[in-house]
Amino acid sequence: MPMPQSPISNHEDAMPTSTPNYQSYSDPQLTAACLRSERKAWEELVHRFSDLVYSIPLKRCGLVMEDAEDVYQTVFQTIFVKLDTLRDKEKLRAWIVSITWRQCLNLIRSRKKHATPEEPPETKDKEPLPDRTVSSHERREALSDALLSLDDVNARAIIECRFYEDLSYREISRMLDIPIGSIGPTLGRSLEKLGKVLKRRGISRHGL
């Protein structure tokens, strides 16, 4: 997979005299180095976050690899162009997550506009399994499956950004381009649905 082209000048002054160990840089340090147009810093940024950017369309949104590659390219092009707009460099990862979710949502919304409505499949309620002790791995797997069971992709994005990336409602609204007033109600309904899905698997939501 080719790396997106970065808008870095080839001028010799843009390169440091010796190459630092960017792998040891914290996210804020790496961001600062990228903003100084240090090419190797950009390469480390792409390397550091590639798996994360791919995982959201493939594992969280259920998109195919071709779509994931389109999202990947768009996300990193956006990062290259807008990195200087990131106010809190401590939130680089959360910012990248939100950009990735937004691109996935844009793609899915575009598809829905041209999709032919289908009859929803009939589903039968399953008897809930008894509560049991589960490993942390099982809990993570259960939560991932439960998130994918949500029909509203906006809801998945809100949950990811709120609980995994610790973003405020205002940040989520701005980054996902959704009304701030819709976030609380969507979050409440979605958590209730998640709880029911997890209960059917014998897992308490409060233990996640």
N, C-alpha and C. Protein backbone atom coordinates (compact mmCIF):
# COMPACT_ATOMS: atom_id res chain seq x y z
N MET A 1 0.84 -1.18 0.00
CA MET A 1 0.00 0.00 0.00
C MET A 1 0.88 1.24 0.00
N PRO A 2 0.86 2.06 -1.05
CA PRO A 2 1.73 3.24 -1.09
C PRO A 2 1.31 4.27 -0.06
N MET A 3 2.30 4.95 0.51
CA MET A 3 2.01 6.00 1.48
C MET A 3 1.54 7.24 0.76
N PRO A 4 0.52 7.93 1.27
CA PRO A 4 0.06 9.15 0.63
C PRO A 4 1.19 10.16 0.54
N GLN A 5 1.16 10.96 -0.52
CA GLN A 5 2.17 11.97 -0.70
C GLN A 5 1.98 13.09 0.32
N SER A 6 3.04 13.46 1.00
CA SER A 6 2.95 14.54 1.98
C SER A 6 3.38 15.85 1.35
N PRO A 7 2.83 16.96 1.85
CA PRO A 7 3.14 18.26 1.29
C PRO A 7 4.42 18.84 1.88
N ILE A 8 5.49 18.06 1.89
CA ILE A 8 6.74 18.49 2.50
C ILE A 8 7.69 18.94 1.41
N SER A 9 8.29 20.07 1.61
CA SER A 9 9.24 20.59 0.64
C SER A 9 10.48 19.73 0.60
N ASN A 10 11.11 19.64 -0.57
CA ASN A 10 12.35 18.90 -0.70
C ASN A 10 13.57 19.76 -0.37
N HIS A 11 13.33 20.97 0.07
CA HIS A 11 14.43 21.88 0.39
C HIS A 11 15.29 21.28 1.49
N GLU A 12 16.59 21.40 1.37
CA GLU A 12 17.50 20.79 2.34
C GLU A 12 17.27 21.31 3.74
N ASP A 13 16.81 22.58 3.87
CA ASP A 13 16.61 23.15 5.20
C ASP A 13 15.49 22.45 5.94
N ALA A 14 14.63 21.72 5.20
CA ALA A 14 13.50 21.04 5.85
C ALA A 14 13.95 19.77 6.55
N MET A 15 15.18 19.30 6.29
CA MET A 15 15.67 18.07 6.88
C MET A 15 16.62 18.38 8.03
N PRO A 16 16.49 17.67 9.15
CA PRO A 16 17.43 17.88 10.25
C PRO A 16 18.82 17.37 9.86
N THR A 17 19.85 17.88 10.52
CA THR A 17 21.21 17.46 10.20
C THR A 17 21.45 16.01 10.57
N SER A 18 20.81 15.51 11.62
CA SER A 18 20.89 14.10 11.98
C SER A 18 19.48 13.60 12.25
N THR A 19 19.24 12.34 11.93
CA THR A 19 17.89 11.81 12.04
C THR A 19 17.60 11.37 13.48
N PRO A 20 16.65 12.00 14.15
CA PRO A 20 16.30 11.58 15.51
C PRO A 20 15.59 10.23 15.49
N ASN A 21 15.46 9.65 16.66
CA ASN A 21 14.72 8.39 16.80
C ASN A 21 13.25 8.72 17.00
N TYR A 22 12.54 8.89 15.89
CA TYR A 22 11.14 9.32 15.98
C TYR A 22 10.25 8.27 16.64
N GLN A 23 10.67 7.01 16.60
CA GLN A 23 9.86 5.96 17.23
C GLN A 23 9.72 6.18 18.72
N SER A 24 10.69 6.84 19.31
CA SER A 24 10.65 7.09 20.76
C SER A 24 9.90 8.38 21.10
N TYR A 25 9.49 9.12 20.09
CA TYR A 25 8.80 10.39 20.33
C TYR A 25 7.39 10.14 20.86
N SER A 26 6.96 10.98 21.77
CA SER A 26 5.56 10.97 22.17
C SER A 26 4.73 11.57 21.02
N ASP A 27 3.42 11.41 21.09
CA ASP A 27 2.57 11.97 20.04
C ASP A 27 2.74 13.48 19.90
N PRO A 28 2.77 14.25 21.00
CA PRO A 28 2.99 15.70 20.86
C PRO A 28 4.34 16.03 20.23
N GLN A 29 5.39 15.28 20.61
CA GLN A 29 6.71 15.52 20.03
C GLN A 29 6.71 15.20 18.54
N LEU A 30 6.04 14.11 18.18
CA LEU A 30 5.99 13.72 16.78
C LEU A 30 5.21 14.74 15.97
N THR A 31 4.12 15.24 16.53
CA THR A 31 3.33 16.27 15.86
C THR A 31 4.17 17.51 15.59
N ALA A 32 4.92 17.93 16.60
CA ALA A 32 5.77 19.11 16.45
C ALA A 32 6.82 18.90 15.36
N ALA A 33 7.39 17.70 15.31
CA ALA A 33 8.40 17.40 14.29
C ALA A 33 7.78 17.42 12.89
N CYS A 34 6.57 16.89 12.77
CA CYS A 34 5.89 16.92 11.47
C CYS A 34 5.62 18.36 11.04
N LEU A 35 5.24 19.20 11.99
CA LEU A 35 4.96 20.59 11.66
C LEU A 35 6.24 21.36 11.31
N ARG A 36 7.38 20.79 11.67
CA ARG A 36 8.67 21.37 11.23
C ARG A 36 9.09 20.81 9.87
N SER A 37 8.18 20.05 9.26
CA SER A 37 8.42 19.47 7.92
C SER A 37 9.56 18.47 7.89
N GLU A 38 9.69 17.69 8.96
CA GLU A 38 10.71 16.64 9.00
C GLU A 38 10.13 15.37 8.38
N ARG A 39 10.66 15.00 7.24
CA ARG A 39 10.07 13.92 6.45
C ARG A 39 9.98 12.60 7.21
N LYS A 40 11.03 12.25 7.93
CA LYS A 40 11.02 10.98 8.66
C LYS A 40 9.97 10.98 9.77
N ALA A 41 9.66 12.15 10.28
CA ALA A 41 8.61 12.25 11.29
C ALA A 41 7.26 11.91 10.67
N TRP A 42 7.02 12.41 9.45
CA TRP A 42 5.78 12.07 8.76
C TRP A 42 5.70 10.57 8.49
N GLU A 43 6.82 9.98 8.12
CA GLU A 43 6.82 8.54 7.86
C GLU A 43 6.49 7.76 9.13
N GLU A 44 7.02 8.22 10.27
CA GLU A 44 6.72 7.56 11.54
C GLU A 44 5.25 7.75 11.91
N LEU A 45 4.69 8.92 11.63
CA LEU A 45 3.28 9.15 11.94
C LEU A 45 2.39 8.18 11.16
N VAL A 46 2.68 8.01 9.87
CA VAL A 46 1.90 7.07 9.06
C VAL A 46 2.07 5.65 9.58
N HIS A 47 3.31 5.28 9.89
CA HIS A 47 3.57 3.93 10.40
C HIS A 47 2.86 3.69 11.73
N ARG A 48 2.88 4.69 12.60
CA ARG A 48 2.31 4.55 13.94
C ARG A 48 0.80 4.37 13.92
N PHE A 49 0.13 5.03 12.98
CA PHE A 49 -1.33 5.05 13.01
C PHE A 49 -2.00 4.29 11.87
N SER A 50 -1.22 3.63 11.01
CA SER A 50 -1.82 2.92 9.88
C SER A 50 -2.78 1.83 10.31
N ASP A 51 -2.36 1.00 11.26
CA ASP A 51 -3.23 -0.10 11.72
C ASP A 51 -4.52 0.45 12.31
N LEU A 52 -4.41 1.52 13.06
CA LEU A 52 -5.59 2.13 13.67
C LEU A 52 -6.56 2.62 12.60
N VAL A 53 -6.04 3.31 11.60
CA VAL A 53 -6.89 3.87 10.54
C VAL A 53 -7.56 2.76 9.74
N TYR A 54 -6.86 1.67 9.49
CA TYR A 54 -7.46 0.54 8.77
C TYR A 54 -8.51 -0.17 9.62
N SER A 55 -8.28 -0.25 10.93
CA SER A 55 -9.17 -1.05 11.78
C SER A 55 -10.58 -0.48 11.86
N ILE A 56 -10.72 0.82 11.76
CA ILE A 56 -12.05 1.42 11.93
C ILE A 56 -12.98 1.07 10.77
N PRO A 57 -12.59 1.27 9.51
CA PRO A 57 -13.50 0.85 8.43
C PRO A 57 -13.69 -0.65 8.36
N LEU A 58 -12.64 -1.43 8.64
CA LEU A 58 -12.74 -2.88 8.48
C LEU A 58 -13.43 -3.55 9.66
N LYS A 59 -13.04 -3.19 10.89
CA LYS A 59 -13.54 -3.89 12.07
C LYS A 59 -14.72 -3.21 12.73
N ARG A 60 -14.79 -1.88 12.65
CA ARG A 60 -15.87 -1.16 13.32
C ARG A 60 -17.04 -0.86 12.40
N CYS A 61 -16.75 -0.67 11.11
CA CYS A 61 -17.82 -0.30 10.17
C CYS A 61 -18.21 -1.43 9.23
N GLY A 62 -17.42 -2.49 9.19
CA GLY A 62 -17.75 -3.62 8.32
C GLY A 62 -17.57 -3.34 6.84
N LEU A 63 -16.70 -2.39 6.49
CA LEU A 63 -16.45 -2.08 5.09
C LEU A 63 -15.44 -3.08 4.50
N VAL A 64 -15.40 -3.15 3.18
CA VAL A 64 -14.47 -4.05 2.50
C VAL A 64 -13.12 -3.36 2.35
N MET A 65 -12.10 -4.14 1.99
CA MET A 65 -10.74 -3.61 1.91
C MET A 65 -10.62 -2.45 0.93
N GLU A 66 -11.31 -2.54 -0.20
CA GLU A 66 -11.23 -1.46 -1.19
C GLU A 66 -11.72 -0.14 -0.58
N ASP A 67 -12.80 -0.20 0.17
CA ASP A 67 -13.31 1.00 0.84
C ASP A 67 -12.33 1.47 1.92
N ALA A 68 -11.76 0.51 2.65
CA ALA A 68 -10.81 0.86 3.71
C ALA A 68 -9.59 1.57 3.13
N GLU A 69 -9.15 1.15 1.96
CA GLU A 69 -8.00 1.80 1.33
C GLU A 69 -8.34 3.24 0.92
N ASP A 70 -9.56 3.44 0.44
CA ASP A 70 -10.00 4.80 0.09
C ASP A 70 -10.03 5.68 1.34
N VAL A 71 -10.56 5.12 2.43
CA VAL A 71 -10.61 5.86 3.69
C VAL A 71 -9.19 6.19 4.16
N TYR A 72 -8.31 5.20 4.08
CA TYR A 72 -6.92 5.37 4.51
C TYR A 72 -6.25 6.53 3.77
N GLN A 73 -6.38 6.54 2.46
CA GLN A 73 -5.77 7.59 1.66
C GLN A 73 -6.32 8.97 2.03
N THR A 74 -7.64 9.04 2.16
CA THR A 74 -8.28 10.33 2.46
C THR A 74 -7.89 10.82 3.85
N VAL A 75 -7.84 9.90 4.81
CA VAL A 75 -7.50 10.28 6.18
C VAL A 75 -6.10 10.88 6.25
N PHE A 76 -5.13 10.22 5.65
CA PHE A 76 -3.76 10.72 5.77
C PHE A 76 -3.54 11.98 4.94
N GLN A 77 -4.25 12.11 3.84
CA GLN A 77 -4.18 13.37 3.10
C GLN A 77 -4.73 14.51 3.96
N THR A 78 -5.82 14.22 4.68
CA THR A 78 -6.41 15.23 5.57
C THR A 78 -5.45 15.60 6.69
N ILE A 79 -4.79 14.59 7.25
CA ILE A 79 -3.82 14.85 8.32
C ILE A 79 -2.69 15.74 7.81
N PHE A 80 -2.17 15.43 6.64
CA PHE A 80 -1.07 16.22 6.09
C PHE A 80 -1.47 17.68 5.89
N VAL A 81 -2.70 17.90 5.49
CA VAL A 81 -3.15 19.26 5.19
C VAL A 81 -3.56 20.02 6.45
N LYS A 82 -4.16 19.32 7.42
CA LYS A 82 -4.78 20.01 8.55
C LYS A 82 -4.10 19.79 9.90
N LEU A 83 -2.93 19.18 9.90
CA LEU A 83 -2.28 18.91 11.18
C LEU A 83 -2.04 20.19 11.98
N ASP A 84 -1.78 21.28 11.28
CA ASP A 84 -1.51 22.53 12.00
C ASP A 84 -2.75 23.12 12.66
N THR A 85 -3.93 22.54 12.39
CA THR A 85 -5.15 23.02 13.05
C THR A 85 -5.42 22.28 14.35
N LEU A 86 -4.64 21.25 14.65
CA LEU A 86 -4.83 20.48 15.88
C LEU A 86 -4.36 21.32 17.07
N ARG A 87 -5.29 21.71 17.92
CA ARG A 87 -4.96 22.60 19.03
C ARG A 87 -4.26 21.87 20.17
N ASP A 88 -4.79 20.71 20.54
CA ASP A 88 -4.24 19.95 21.66
C ASP A 88 -3.45 18.77 21.11
N LYS A 89 -2.14 18.90 21.09
CA LYS A 89 -1.30 17.86 20.49
C LYS A 89 -1.33 16.56 21.29
N GLU A 90 -1.81 16.62 22.53
CA GLU A 90 -1.96 15.39 23.32
C GLU A 90 -3.06 14.51 22.74
N LYS A 91 -3.94 15.10 21.93
CA LYS A 91 -5.08 14.37 21.39
C LYS A 91 -4.89 14.00 19.93
N LEU A 92 -3.65 13.80 19.52
CA LEU A 92 -3.38 13.43 18.13
C LEU A 92 -4.12 12.14 17.76
N ARG A 93 -4.01 11.12 18.61
CA ARG A 93 -4.66 9.84 18.30
C ARG A 93 -6.18 10.00 18.20
N ALA A 94 -6.76 10.70 19.16
CA ALA A 94 -8.21 10.90 19.14
C ALA A 94 -8.63 11.68 17.89
N TRP A 95 -7.82 12.64 17.51
CA TRP A 95 -8.11 13.44 16.32
C TRP A 95 -8.10 12.56 15.07
N ILE A 96 -7.12 11.68 14.97
CA ILE A 96 -7.04 10.78 13.83
C ILE A 96 -8.21 9.81 13.82
N VAL A 97 -8.59 9.31 15.00
CA VAL A 97 -9.75 8.42 15.09
C VAL A 97 -11.00 9.13 14.58
N SER A 98 -11.19 10.38 15.01
CA SER A 98 -12.40 11.11 14.61
C SER A 98 -12.41 11.39 13.11
N ILE A 99 -11.25 11.71 12.54
CA ILE A 99 -11.17 11.94 11.09
C ILE A 99 -11.53 10.65 10.35
N THR A 100 -11.02 9.53 10.84
CA THR A 100 -11.29 8.25 10.19
C THR A 100 -12.77 7.90 10.26
N TRP A 101 -13.37 8.09 11.43
CA TRP A 101 -14.80 7.82 11.57
C TRP A 101 -15.60 8.72 10.63
N ARG A 102 -15.21 9.98 10.55
CA ARG A 102 -15.96 10.91 9.70
C ARG A 102 -15.90 10.48 8.24
N GLN A 103 -14.74 10.04 7.79
CA GLN A 103 -14.63 9.58 6.40
C GLN A 103 -15.46 8.32 6.17
N CYS A 104 -15.47 7.42 7.15
CA CYS A 104 -16.31 6.22 7.04
C CYS A 104 -17.79 6.60 6.97
N LEU A 105 -18.19 7.52 7.84
CA LEU A 105 -19.59 7.95 7.85
C LEU A 105 -19.97 8.61 6.53
N ASN A 106 -19.09 9.44 6.00
CA ASN A 106 -19.37 10.09 4.71
C ASN A 106 -19.57 9.05 3.61
N LEU A 107 -18.73 8.02 3.62
CA LEU A 107 -18.83 6.97 2.61
C LEU A 107 -20.13 6.20 2.76
N ILE A 108 -20.47 5.84 3.98
CA ILE A 108 -21.69 5.07 4.23
C ILE A 108 -22.93 5.90 3.90
N ARG A 109 -22.93 7.17 4.29
CA ARG A 109 -24.07 8.04 3.99
C ARG A 109 -24.26 8.19 2.48
N SER A 110 -23.15 8.32 1.77
CA SER A 110 -23.23 8.45 0.32
C SER A 110 -23.82 7.20 -0.31
N ARG A 111 -23.43 6.03 0.21
CA ARG A 111 -23.96 4.77 -0.32
C ARG A 111 -25.46 4.66 -0.04
N LYS A 112 -25.88 5.10 1.15
CA LYS A 112 -27.29 4.97 1.52
C LYS A 112 -28.18 5.81 0.62
N LYS A 113 -27.67 6.95 0.15
CA LYS A 113 -28.48 7.82 -0.71
C LYS A 113 -28.85 7.13 -2.01
N HIS A 114 -28.00 6.22 -2.45
CA HIS A 114 -28.22 5.55 -3.73
C HIS A 114 -28.64 4.09 -3.57
N ALA A 115 -28.87 3.68 -2.33
CA ALA A 115 -29.21 2.27 -2.08
C ALA A 115 -30.71 2.05 -2.23
N THR A 116 -31.07 0.85 -2.66
CA THR A 116 -32.48 0.45 -2.74
C THR A 116 -32.91 -0.09 -1.39
N PRO A 117 -34.00 0.44 -0.82
CA PRO A 117 -34.44 -0.04 0.50
C PRO A 117 -34.72 -1.53 0.48
N GLU A 118 -34.31 -2.20 1.53
CA GLU A 118 -34.54 -3.63 1.66
C GLU A 118 -35.39 -3.91 2.89
N GLU A 119 -36.14 -5.00 2.81
CA GLU A 119 -36.93 -5.42 3.96
C GLU A 119 -35.99 -5.94 5.04
N PRO A 120 -36.15 -5.48 6.28
CA PRO A 120 -35.27 -5.98 7.33
C PRO A 120 -35.52 -7.46 7.58
N PRO A 121 -34.46 -8.24 7.80
CA PRO A 121 -34.64 -9.67 8.05
C PRO A 121 -35.35 -9.90 9.37
N GLU A 122 -36.12 -11.00 9.41
CA GLU A 122 -36.81 -11.35 10.64
C GLU A 122 -35.79 -11.85 11.66
N THR A 123 -35.96 -11.41 12.87
CA THR A 123 -35.05 -11.83 13.93
C THR A 123 -35.85 -12.41 15.08
N LYS A 124 -35.27 -13.37 15.73
CA LYS A 124 -35.90 -13.97 16.89
C LYS A 124 -35.09 -13.62 18.12
N ASP A 125 -35.79 -13.19 19.14
CA ASP A 125 -35.10 -12.88 20.39
C ASP A 125 -34.52 -14.14 20.99
N LYS A 126 -33.27 -14.04 21.36
CA LYS A 126 -32.61 -15.18 21.98
C LYS A 126 -32.72 -15.07 23.49
N GLU A 127 -32.80 -16.22 24.13
CA GLU A 127 -32.83 -16.22 25.58
C GLU A 127 -31.48 -15.75 26.10
N PRO A 128 -31.48 -14.84 27.07
CA PRO A 128 -30.20 -14.37 27.60
C PRO A 128 -29.45 -15.48 28.31
N LEU A 129 -28.14 -15.46 28.14
CA LEU A 129 -27.31 -16.43 28.83
C LEU A 129 -27.12 -15.98 30.28
N PRO A 130 -26.89 -16.90 31.17
CA PRO A 130 -26.66 -16.50 32.56
C PRO A 130 -25.36 -15.72 32.68
N ASP A 131 -25.33 -14.78 33.65
CA ASP A 131 -24.11 -14.02 33.89
C ASP A 131 -22.99 -14.98 34.26
N ARG A 132 -21.79 -14.69 33.77
CA ARG A 132 -20.67 -15.57 34.06
C ARG A 132 -19.40 -14.74 34.12
N THR A 133 -18.36 -15.34 34.63
CA THR A 133 -17.07 -14.67 34.68
C THR A 133 -16.41 -14.78 33.31
N VAL A 134 -15.96 -13.65 32.77
CA VAL A 134 -15.35 -13.66 31.45
C VAL A 134 -13.99 -12.98 31.52
N SER A 135 -13.13 -13.34 30.58
CA SER A 135 -11.80 -12.75 30.53
C SER A 135 -11.88 -11.37 29.88
N SER A 136 -10.82 -10.59 30.05
CA SER A 136 -10.78 -9.26 29.44
C SER A 136 -10.82 -9.38 27.92
N HIS A 137 -10.21 -10.44 27.38
CA HIS A 137 -10.25 -10.64 25.93
C HIS A 137 -11.68 -10.89 25.46
N GLU A 138 -12.41 -11.71 26.19
CA GLU A 138 -13.81 -11.98 25.84
C GLU A 138 -14.64 -10.71 25.91
N ARG A 139 -14.36 -9.88 26.91
CA ARG A 139 -15.12 -8.63 27.04
C ARG A 139 -14.86 -7.71 25.86
N ARG A 140 -13.59 -7.62 25.45
CA ARG A 140 -13.27 -6.77 24.30
C ARG A 140 -13.93 -7.29 23.04
N GLU A 141 -13.88 -8.61 22.85
CA GLU A 141 -14.51 -9.21 21.67
C GLU A 141 -16.02 -8.99 21.69
N ALA A 142 -16.61 -9.15 22.87
CA ALA A 142 -18.06 -8.97 23.00
C ALA A 142 -18.45 -7.53 22.70
N LEU A 143 -17.67 -6.58 23.18
CA LEU A 143 -17.99 -5.18 22.94
C LEU A 143 -17.84 -4.84 21.46
N SER A 144 -16.81 -5.38 20.81
CA SER A 144 -16.64 -5.14 19.37
C SER A 144 -17.82 -5.68 18.58
N ASP A 145 -18.24 -6.90 18.92
CA ASP A 145 -19.40 -7.49 18.24
C ASP A 145 -20.66 -6.67 18.50
N ALA A 146 -20.82 -6.23 19.74
CA ALA A 146 -22.01 -5.46 20.10
C ALA A 146 -22.04 -4.13 19.34
N LEU A 147 -20.90 -3.48 19.22
CA LEU A 147 -20.84 -2.22 18.47
C LEU A 147 -21.24 -2.43 17.02
N LEU A 148 -20.77 -3.52 16.43
CA LEU A 148 -21.11 -3.81 15.03
C LEU A 148 -22.59 -4.12 14.86
N SER A 149 -23.24 -4.54 15.95
CA SER A 149 -24.66 -4.87 15.86
C SER A 149 -25.53 -3.61 15.82
N LEU A 150 -24.96 -2.46 16.15
CA LEU A 150 -25.72 -1.21 16.10
C LEU A 150 -25.94 -0.80 14.65
N ASP A 151 -27.19 -0.57 14.27
CA ASP A 151 -27.49 -0.18 12.90
C ASP A 151 -26.99 1.22 12.59
N ASP A 152 -26.99 2.08 13.59
CA ASP A 152 -26.61 3.48 13.40
C ASP A 152 -25.10 3.62 13.52
N VAL A 153 -24.44 3.87 12.39
CA VAL A 153 -22.98 4.00 12.42
C VAL A 153 -22.57 5.25 13.18
N ASN A 154 -23.43 6.28 13.15
CA ASN A 154 -23.16 7.47 13.96
C ASN A 154 -23.00 7.09 15.42
N ALA A 155 -23.86 6.18 15.87
CA ALA A 155 -23.82 5.76 17.28
C ALA A 155 -22.50 5.07 17.60
N ARG A 156 -22.02 4.23 16.69
CA ARG A 156 -20.74 3.56 16.91
C ARG A 156 -19.62 4.59 17.05
N ALA A 157 -19.65 5.58 16.15
CA ALA A 157 -18.61 6.61 16.16
C ALA A 157 -18.64 7.40 17.46
N ILE A 158 -19.85 7.74 17.91
CA ILE A 158 -19.98 8.52 19.15
C ILE A 158 -19.44 7.74 20.33
N ILE A 159 -19.79 6.46 20.42
CA ILE A 159 -19.32 5.63 21.53
C ILE A 159 -17.80 5.52 21.51
N GLU A 160 -17.24 5.27 20.33
CA GLU A 160 -15.78 5.16 20.21
C GLU A 160 -15.10 6.45 20.66
N CYS A 161 -15.59 7.58 20.16
CA CYS A 161 -14.94 8.86 20.46
C CYS A 161 -15.14 9.27 21.91
N ARG A 162 -16.30 8.94 22.47
CA ARG A 162 -16.60 9.35 23.84
C ARG A 162 -15.86 8.51 24.87
N PHE A 163 -15.90 7.19 24.71
CA PHE A 163 -15.38 6.31 25.74
C PHE A 163 -13.96 5.81 25.49
N TYR A 164 -13.57 5.70 24.22
CA TYR A 164 -12.22 5.24 23.92
C TYR A 164 -11.24 6.40 23.78
N GLU A 165 -11.74 7.52 23.25
CA GLU A 165 -10.85 8.66 23.01
C GLU A 165 -11.09 9.81 23.98
N ASP A 166 -12.11 9.68 24.84
CA ASP A 166 -12.38 10.66 25.90
C ASP A 166 -12.60 12.07 25.33
N LEU A 167 -13.34 12.15 24.23
CA LEU A 167 -13.64 13.45 23.64
C LEU A 167 -14.91 14.03 24.27
N SER A 168 -14.96 15.34 24.36
CA SER A 168 -16.15 16.02 24.86
C SER A 168 -17.23 16.02 23.79
N TYR A 169 -18.47 16.33 24.21
CA TYR A 169 -19.56 16.42 23.24
C TYR A 169 -19.24 17.46 22.16
N ARG A 170 -18.67 18.58 22.58
CA ARG A 170 -18.35 19.64 21.62
C ARG A 170 -17.31 19.15 20.60
N GLU A 171 -16.31 18.43 21.08
CA GLU A 171 -15.28 17.90 20.18
C GLU A 171 -15.87 16.87 19.22
N ILE A 172 -16.74 16.01 19.75
CA ILE A 172 -17.38 15.00 18.90
C ILE A 172 -18.23 15.67 17.84
N SER A 173 -18.99 16.69 18.25
CA SER A 173 -19.85 17.41 17.31
C SER A 173 -19.04 18.01 16.18
N ARG A 174 -17.93 18.64 16.53
CA ARG A 174 -17.10 19.30 15.52
C ARG A 174 -16.40 18.28 14.62
N MET A 175 -15.88 17.22 15.23
CA MET A 175 -15.07 16.28 14.47
C MET A 175 -15.90 15.35 13.59
N LEU A 176 -17.12 14.99 14.05
CA LEU A 176 -17.97 14.10 13.27
C LEU A 176 -19.01 14.86 12.46
N ASP A 177 -19.06 16.18 12.65
CA ASP A 177 -19.99 17.04 11.91
C ASP A 177 -21.44 16.62 12.18
N ILE A 178 -21.79 16.51 13.46
CA ILE A 178 -23.16 16.19 13.86
C ILE A 178 -23.60 17.19 14.92
N PRO A 179 -24.91 17.45 15.03
CA PRO A 179 -25.40 18.43 16.02
C PRO A 179 -25.05 17.99 17.44
N ILE A 180 -24.58 18.92 18.25
CA ILE A 180 -24.19 18.58 19.61
C ILE A 180 -25.38 18.10 20.43
N GLY A 181 -26.58 18.62 20.13
CA GLY A 181 -27.77 18.23 20.87
C GLY A 181 -28.21 16.80 20.62
N SER A 182 -27.72 16.19 19.54
CA SER A 182 -28.12 14.81 19.22
C SER A 182 -27.23 13.77 19.89
N ILE A 183 -26.10 14.21 20.42
CA ILE A 183 -25.11 13.25 20.92
C ILE A 183 -25.60 12.53 22.18
N GLY A 184 -26.11 13.28 23.16
CA GLY A 184 -26.57 12.67 24.40
C GLY A 184 -27.68 11.64 24.19
N PRO A 185 -28.78 12.01 23.49
CA PRO A 185 -29.84 11.03 23.25
C PRO A 185 -29.37 9.81 22.46
N THR A 186 -28.53 10.04 21.44
CA THR A 186 -28.01 8.91 20.65
C THR A 186 -27.17 7.99 21.52
N LEU A 187 -26.35 8.59 22.36
CA LEU A 187 -25.49 7.82 23.25
C LEU A 187 -26.32 6.99 24.22
N GLY A 188 -27.35 7.60 24.79
CA GLY A 188 -28.19 6.88 25.74
C GLY A 188 -28.89 5.69 25.12
N ARG A 189 -29.50 5.90 23.94
CA ARG A 189 -30.19 4.80 23.26
C ARG A 189 -29.21 3.69 22.88
N SER A 190 -28.05 4.08 22.43
CA SER A 190 -27.07 3.10 21.96
C SER A 190 -26.52 2.26 23.10
N LEU A 191 -26.27 2.89 24.24
CA LEU A 191 -25.77 2.15 25.39
C LEU A 191 -26.81 1.15 25.89
N GLU A 192 -28.08 1.54 25.79
CA GLU A 192 -29.15 0.62 26.19
C GLU A 192 -29.17 -0.60 25.28
N LYS A 193 -29.02 -0.36 23.96
CA LYS A 193 -28.98 -1.47 23.01
C LYS A 193 -27.76 -2.35 23.25
N LEU A 194 -26.62 -1.71 23.50
CA LEU A 194 -25.40 -2.47 23.78
C LEU A 194 -25.60 -3.37 24.99
N GLY A 195 -26.23 -2.82 26.02
CA GLY A 195 -26.46 -3.60 27.23
C GLY A 195 -27.28 -4.85 26.96
N LYS A 196 -28.29 -4.74 26.09
CA LYS A 196 -29.13 -5.89 25.77
C LYS A 196 -28.35 -6.95 24.99
N VAL A 197 -27.53 -6.48 24.03
CA VAL A 197 -26.73 -7.42 23.25
C VAL A 197 -25.75 -8.17 24.15
N LEU A 198 -25.10 -7.43 25.03
CA LEU A 198 -24.12 -8.05 25.92
C LEU A 198 -24.79 -9.00 26.91
N LYS A 199 -25.99 -8.63 27.36
CA LYS A 199 -26.70 -9.49 28.31
C LYS A 199 -27.02 -10.83 27.68
N ARG A 200 -27.37 -10.83 26.38
CA ARG A 200 -27.66 -12.09 25.69
C ARG A 200 -26.44 -12.99 25.63
N ARG A 201 -25.25 -12.36 25.75
CA ARG A 201 -24.02 -13.15 25.76
C ARG A 201 -23.54 -13.45 27.18
N GLY A 202 -24.38 -13.08 28.15
CA GLY A 202 -24.04 -13.37 29.53
C GLY A 202 -22.98 -12.46 30.11
N ILE A 203 -22.87 -11.25 29.55
CA ILE A 203 -21.85 -10.30 29.99
C ILE A 203 -22.52 -9.02 30.43
N SER A 204 -22.14 -8.54 31.59
CA SER A 204 -22.68 -7.28 32.09
C SER A 204 -21.94 -6.12 31.46
N ARG A 205 -22.71 -5.12 30.97
CA ARG A 205 -22.09 -3.93 30.38
C ARG A 205 -21.25 -3.18 31.41
N HIS A 206 -21.66 -3.23 32.66
CA HIS A 206 -20.95 -2.48 33.70
C HIS A 206 -19.59 -3.07 34.00
N GLY A 207 -19.36 -4.30 33.53
CA GLY A 207 -18.06 -4.91 33.77
C GLY A 207 -17.06 -4.66 32.68
N LEU A 208 -17.47 -3.88 31.65
CA LEU A 208 -16.57 -3.63 30.53
C LEU A 208 -15.68 -2.44 30.82
